Amino acid sequence: RNKKACAGQNPFLVTGFHLGVGGFLLFLVGVFMGGSLQVNDVKTVLLICYMIFISAAGFGIWSFLLKSYPVEKVAVFMFLTPVFGTLLSGVILGEPLKLSMFIALFFVCIGIILVQREKA
């Protein structure tokens, strides 16, 4: 569906539209169900903007790749999510990285390489 939605369109604009409409609808549902959004300082606004940017950039790149390449070549890279999540949690959050984590991430990468290999 994503490939059809982006056909002839800029995938980043299509993604932005989808995220904007979906986010607005979720915000309305949250408000009507009694939720609230408390913005107390500039740091909160910057954090919300950062999260919006990261989500939009990730989905935009994903849409661009799906528009440009076959889905079976792109989808396997979703398995890199735990690799980057683990490494970035160690670097940014300062969480301890254990040897067992690196061994597990090594096998994730080996699996991606095996799946991506061209068959003889």
C-alpha atoms as a PDB file:
ATOM      1  CA  ARG A   1       0.000   0.000   0.000  1.00  0.00           C
ATOM      2  CA  ASN A   2       2.821   2.339   0.813  1.00  0.00           C
ATOM      3  CA  LYS A   3       4.259   1.924  -2.662  1.00  0.00           C
ATOM      4  CA  LYS A   4       0.882   2.794  -4.210  1.00  0.00           C
ATOM      5  CA  ALA A   5       0.407   5.809  -1.939  1.00  0.00           C
ATOM      6  CA  CYS A   6       3.831   7.171  -2.869  1.00  0.00           C
ATOM      7  CA  ALA A   7       3.550   6.504  -6.614  1.00  0.00           C
ATOM      8  CA  GLY A   8       4.282   9.774  -8.378  1.00  0.00           C
ATOM      9  CA  GLN A   9       4.487  11.627  -5.054  1.00  0.00           C
ATOM     10  CA  ASN A  10       7.277  12.718  -2.763  1.00  0.00           C
ATOM     11  CA  PRO A  11       7.411   9.933  -0.135  1.00  0.00           C
ATOM     12  CA  PHE A  12       8.382  12.423   2.582  1.00  0.00           C
ATOM     13  CA  LEU A  13       5.297  14.569   1.896  1.00  0.00           C
ATOM     14  CA  VAL A  14       3.018  11.522   1.841  1.00  0.00           C
ATOM     15  CA  THR A  15       4.523  10.301   5.109  1.00  0.00           C
ATOM     16  CA  GLY A  16       4.205  13.748   6.689  1.00  0.00           C
ATOM     17  CA  PHE A  17       0.549  13.947   5.668  1.00  0.00           C
ATOM     18  CA  HIS A  18      -0.205  10.478   7.077  1.00  0.00           C
ATOM     19  CA  LEU A  19       1.582  11.190  10.351  1.00  0.00           C
ATOM     20  CA  GLY A  20      -0.012  14.642  10.659  1.00  0.00           C
ATOM     21  CA  VAL A  21      -3.573  13.430  10.118  1.00  0.00           C
ATOM     22  CA  GLY A  22      -3.076  10.339  12.286  1.00  0.00           C
ATOM     23  CA  GLY A  23      -1.404  12.322  15.066  1.00  0.00           C
ATOM     24  CA  PHE A  24      -4.156  14.928  15.058  1.00  0.00           C
ATOM     25  CA  LEU A  25      -6.869  12.255  15.257  1.00  0.00           C
ATOM     26  CA  LEU A  26      -5.077  10.494  18.109  1.00  0.00           C
ATOM     27  CA  PHE A  27      -4.704  13.829  19.902  1.00  0.00           C
ATOM     28  CA  LEU A  28      -8.466  14.461  19.566  1.00  0.00           C
ATOM     29  CA  VAL A  29      -9.316  11.002  20.868  1.00  0.00           C
ATOM     30  CA  GLY A  30      -6.973  11.541  23.813  1.00  0.00           C
ATOM     31  CA  VAL A  31      -8.530  14.905  24.672  1.00  0.00           C
ATOM     32  CA  PHE A  32     -12.077  13.561  24.414  1.00  0.00           C
ATOM     33  CA  MET A  33     -11.153  10.657  26.687  1.00  0.00           C
ATOM     34  CA  GLY A  34      -9.891  13.008  29.386  1.00  0.00           C
ATOM     35  CA  GLY A  35      -6.212  13.226  28.562  1.00  0.00           C
ATOM     36  CA  SER A  36      -4.163  16.398  28.556  1.00  0.00           C
ATOM     37  CA  LEU A  37      -0.874  17.639  27.220  1.00  0.00           C
ATOM     38  CA  GLN A  38       1.129  19.684  29.692  1.00  0.00           C
ATOM     39  CA  VAL A  39       3.827  21.839  28.169  1.00  0.00           C
ATOM     40  CA  ASN A  40       5.671  23.475  31.045  1.00  0.00           C
ATOM     41  CA  ASP A  41       8.897  24.691  29.486  1.00  0.00           C
ATOM     42  CA  VAL A  42      10.961  25.033  26.317  1.00  0.00           C
ATOM     43  CA  LYS A  43      12.716  21.729  26.986  1.00  0.00           C
ATOM     44  CA  THR A  44       9.377  19.896  26.709  1.00  0.00           C
ATOM     45  CA  VAL A  45       8.568  21.596  23.399  1.00  0.00           C
ATOM     46  CA  LEU A  46      12.016  20.771  22.031  1.00  0.00           C
ATOM     47  CA  LEU A  47      11.664  17.145  23.109  1.00  0.00           C
ATOM     48  CA  ILE A  48       8.262  16.833  21.410  1.00  0.00           C
ATOM     49  CA  CYS A  49       9.649  18.427  18.229  1.00  0.00           C
ATOM     50  CA  TYR A  50      12.627  16.049  18.335  1.00  0.00           C
ATOM     51  CA  MET A  51      10.346  13.008  18.649  1.00  0.00           C
ATOM     52  CA  ILE A  52       8.186  14.253  15.767  1.00  0.00           C
ATOM     53  CA  PHE A  53      11.272  14.763  13.604  1.00  0.00           C
ATOM     54  CA  ILE A  54      12.737  11.333  14.394  1.00  0.00           C
ATOM     55  CA  SER A  55       9.455   9.566  13.625  1.00  0.00           C
ATOM     56  CA  ALA A  56       8.844  11.517  10.433  1.00  0.00           C
ATOM     57  CA  ALA A  57      12.418  11.046   9.211  1.00  0.00           C
ATOM     58  CA  GLY A  58      12.356   7.316   9.903  1.00  0.00           C
ATOM     59  CA  PHE A  59       9.032   6.729   8.170  1.00  0.00           C
ATOM     60  CA  GLY A  60       9.996   9.071   5.330  1.00  0.00           C
ATOM     61  CA  ILE A  61      13.219   7.178   4.663  1.00  0.00           C
ATOM     62  CA  TRP A  62      11.299   3.899   4.890  1.00  0.00           C
ATOM     63  CA  SER A  63       8.751   5.147   2.313  1.00  0.00           C
ATOM     64  CA  PHE A  64      11.519   6.399   0.028  1.00  0.00           C
ATOM     65  CA  LEU A  65      13.281   3.041   0.159  1.00  0.00           C
ATOM     66  CA  LEU A  66      10.056   1.135  -0.525  1.00  0.00           C
ATOM     67  CA  LYS A  67       9.377   3.392  -3.505  1.00  0.00           C
ATOM     68  CA  SER A  68      12.875   2.864  -4.901  1.00  0.00           C
ATOM     69  CA  TYR A  69      13.589  -0.784  -4.107  1.00  0.00           C
ATOM     70  CA  PRO A  70      11.693  -4.095  -3.885  1.00  0.00           C
ATOM     71  CA  VAL A  71      10.112  -4.682  -0.491  1.00  0.00           C
ATOM     72  CA  GLU A  72      11.977  -7.952   0.054  1.00  0.00           C
ATOM     73  CA  LYS A  73      15.291  -6.088  -0.175  1.00  0.00           C
ATOM     74  CA  VAL A  74      14.229  -3.334   2.227  1.00  0.00           C
ATOM     75  CA  ALA A  75      12.182  -5.189   4.847  1.00  0.00           C
ATOM     76  CA  VAL A  76      15.104  -7.230   6.159  1.00  0.00           C
ATOM     77  CA  PHE A  77      16.783  -4.052   7.412  1.00  0.00           C
ATOM     78  CA  MET A  78      14.007  -3.599   9.955  1.00  0.00           C
ATOM     79  CA  PHE A  79      15.946  -6.273  11.842  1.00  0.00           C
ATOM     80  CA  LEU A  80      18.634  -3.621  12.440  1.00  0.00           C
ATOM     81  CA  THR A  81      16.290  -1.925  14.918  1.00  0.00           C
ATOM     82  CA  PRO A  82      17.593  -3.917  17.921  1.00  0.00           C
ATOM     83  CA  VAL A  83      21.180  -3.303  16.809  1.00  0.00           C
ATOM     84  CA  PHE A  84      20.816   0.473  16.723  1.00  0.00           C
ATOM     85  CA  GLY A  85      18.528   0.521  19.744  1.00  0.00           C
ATOM     86  CA  THR A  86      21.045  -1.373  21.854  1.00  0.00           C
ATOM     87  CA  LEU A  87      24.066   0.603  20.695  1.00  0.00           C
ATOM     88  CA  LEU A  88      22.356   3.983  21.027  1.00  0.00           C
ATOM     89  CA  SER A  89      21.032   3.143  24.499  1.00  0.00           C
ATOM     90  CA  GLY A  90      24.610   2.490  25.538  1.00  0.00           C
ATOM     91  CA  VAL A  91      25.985   5.629  23.917  1.00  0.00           C
ATOM     92  CA  ILE A  92      23.193   8.130  24.634  1.00  0.00           C
ATOM     93  CA  LEU A  93      21.671   6.784  27.847  1.00  0.00           C
ATOM     94  CA  GLY A  94      24.857   5.357  29.299  1.00  0.00           C
ATOM     95  CA  GLU A  95      23.351   1.916  29.837  1.00  0.00           C
ATOM     96  CA  PRO A  96      25.890  -0.871  30.368  1.00  0.00           C
ATOM     97  CA  LEU A  97      26.637  -2.963  27.283  1.00  0.00           C
ATOM     98  CA  LYS A  98      27.519  -6.566  28.109  1.00  0.00           C
ATOM     99  CA  LEU A  99      29.467  -9.049  26.017  1.00  0.00           C
ATOM    100  CA  SER A 100      26.342 -11.188  25.601  1.00  0.00           C
ATOM    101  CA  MET A 101      24.602  -8.235  23.931  1.00  0.00           C
ATOM    102  CA  PHE A 102      27.398  -7.860  21.382  1.00  0.00           C
ATOM    103  CA  ILE A 103      27.282 -11.590  20.667  1.00  0.00           C
ATOM    104  CA  ALA A 104      23.515 -11.416  20.103  1.00  0.00           C
ATOM    105  CA  LEU A 105      23.876  -8.351  17.861  1.00  0.00           C
ATOM    106  CA  PHE A 106      26.604 -10.138  15.897  1.00  0.00           C
ATOM    107  CA  PHE A 107      24.190 -12.995  15.162  1.00  0.00           C
ATOM    108  CA  VAL A 108      21.467 -10.538  14.138  1.00  0.00           C
ATOM    109  CA  CYS A 109      23.897  -9.016  11.627  1.00  0.00           C
ATOM    110  CA  ILE A 110      24.952 -12.464  10.366  1.00  0.00           C
ATOM    111  CA  GLY A 111      21.274 -13.320   9.846  1.00  0.00           C
ATOM    112  CA  ILE A 112      20.738 -10.140   7.816  1.00  0.00           C
ATOM    113  CA  ILE A 113      23.785 -10.922   5.667  1.00  0.00           C
ATOM    114  CA  LEU A 114      22.580 -14.491   5.058  1.00  0.00           C
ATOM    115  CA  VAL A 115      19.106 -13.349   4.082  1.00  0.00           C
ATOM    116  CA  GLN A 116      20.441 -10.661   1.750  1.00  0.00           C
ATOM    117  CA  ARG A 117      22.870 -12.956  -0.074  1.00  0.00           C
ATOM    118  CA  GLU A 118      22.112 -13.565  -3.695  1.00  0.00           C
ATOM    119  CA  LYS A 119      21.309 -17.191  -4.458  1.00  0.00           C
ATOM    120  CA  ALA A 120      23.730 -18.889  -6.845  1.00  0.00           C
END
